[in-house]
Structures are given as C-alpha cells and as structure tokens.
Protein backbone atom coordinates (compact mmCIF):
# COMPACT_ATOMS: atom_id res chain seq x y z
CA MET A 1 -55.95 107.95 -118.87
CA SER A 2 -55.22 110.82 -116.52
CA THR A 3 -53.49 113.95 -117.73
CA ASP A 4 -52.89 115.28 -114.21
CA LYS A 5 -49.34 116.41 -113.54
CA PRO A 6 -47.68 116.87 -110.16
CA GLY A 7 -48.59 120.26 -108.72
CA ASN A 8 -51.85 120.55 -110.69
CA PRO A 9 -55.18 120.01 -108.94
CA PRO A 10 -56.77 116.62 -109.75
CA SER A 11 -59.46 116.41 -112.42
CA PRO A 12 -63.05 116.41 -111.10
CA GLN A 13 -64.47 112.95 -110.46
CA PRO A 14 -67.54 111.85 -112.43
CA HIS A 15 -70.71 111.43 -110.44
CA SER A 16 -71.86 107.83 -110.06
CA PRO A 17 -75.52 107.51 -109.06
CA GLY A 18 -76.19 104.97 -106.37
CA LEU A 19 -72.62 104.48 -105.17
CA GLY A 20 -72.29 107.80 -103.38
CA ALA A 21 -68.95 109.18 -102.35
CA SER A 22 -67.28 106.09 -101.04
CA PRO A 23 -63.86 106.40 -99.44
CA PRO A 24 -60.86 104.74 -101.06
CA ILE A 25 -60.61 100.98 -100.54
CA SER A 26 -57.26 100.58 -98.83
CA GLY A 27 -56.12 98.67 -95.82
CA ARG A 28 -58.45 96.80 -93.51
CA SER A 29 -60.99 98.30 -91.17
CA ALA A 30 -63.54 96.95 -88.72
CA GLU A 31 -66.49 97.93 -90.90
CA ARG A 32 -67.29 96.62 -94.35
CA HIS A 33 -66.89 99.01 -97.30
CA PRO A 34 -70.23 99.90 -99.01
CA ALA A 35 -68.81 99.03 -102.46
CA ILE A 36 -68.17 95.46 -101.26
CA ASP A 37 -71.85 95.15 -100.35
CA ARG A 38 -72.85 96.37 -103.84
CA ILE A 39 -70.46 93.89 -105.50
CA ASP A 40 -71.84 91.12 -103.28
CA ASP A 41 -75.39 92.05 -104.39
CA ALA A 42 -74.31 91.98 -108.06
CA LEU A 43 -72.85 88.49 -107.61
CA ARG A 44 -75.95 87.13 -105.89
CA ASP A 45 -77.81 84.59 -108.08
CA LEU A 46 -75.42 85.13 -111.00
CA ARG A 47 -74.94 81.78 -112.76
CA TYR A 48 -73.06 82.82 -115.92
CA GLY A 49 -71.60 86.24 -116.49
CA SER A 50 -69.32 88.80 -114.92
CA VAL A 51 -69.18 91.63 -112.40
CA LEU A 52 -66.81 94.50 -113.14
CA ALA A 53 -65.79 97.17 -110.63
CA ILE A 54 -64.50 100.42 -112.16
CA VAL A 55 -62.02 102.15 -109.83
CA GLN A 56 -60.64 105.68 -110.19
CA ASP A 57 -58.06 107.04 -107.75
CA GLY A 58 -58.73 104.16 -105.36
CA VAL A 59 -62.52 104.75 -105.30
CA VAL A 60 -65.14 102.42 -106.80
CA VAL A 61 -67.15 104.65 -109.14
CA GLN A 62 -69.16 102.07 -111.09
CA ILE A 63 -70.20 98.42 -110.90
CA GLU A 64 -71.32 96.57 -114.02
CA ARG A 65 -73.10 93.22 -114.06
CA THR A 66 -73.37 91.20 -117.27
CA GLU A 67 -75.52 88.09 -117.15
CA LYS A 68 -75.51 85.44 -119.84
CA THR A 69 -78.35 83.02 -120.47
CA ARG A 70 -77.33 79.60 -121.76
CA LEU A 71 -79.87 78.09 -124.14
CA THR A 72 -80.06 74.37 -124.74
CA ARG A 73 -80.39 73.10 -128.26
CA PRO A 74 -83.59 71.20 -128.98
CA GLY A 75 -82.67 67.58 -129.46
C-alpha cells in the first residue's frame, strides 16, 4: 500500500534483478515489451502451476513462477 500523497515525491522503487528498468506497460507500440518476453519464458513448458507478474506504478518489478508436480498413486 502506498503512503504517497499528492505533492510529495514518490517513494523509491525497489530494485528487481534481471528485469531492469522497464518502462510502464501502457498502450500499444510496435516493439514488444521486455516484461512480456520474460512472462512468455516463464510460461514455456509449464504444465501445472502459475505465473504471477508483480506491477508497481505501471511497471513490472517481479515475475514469479510456481510449478506443481502431479504424482500418480500406485495402483
């Protein structure tokens, strides 16, 4: 939750290794946003699980991938 008030400078953004300083994702442009490529990589070969993109002030700052392994019961 942000405690920034109008007229105050914004709080410093946390550093996210690997994502760099990506511009806000808004509108459409001719080139593909780098965060979309990272999300695409996280989805690749994922059978069961989730991919979560954490966004702060319109900027992707973290991508989490959780993979689940389904075990079959011996019959």
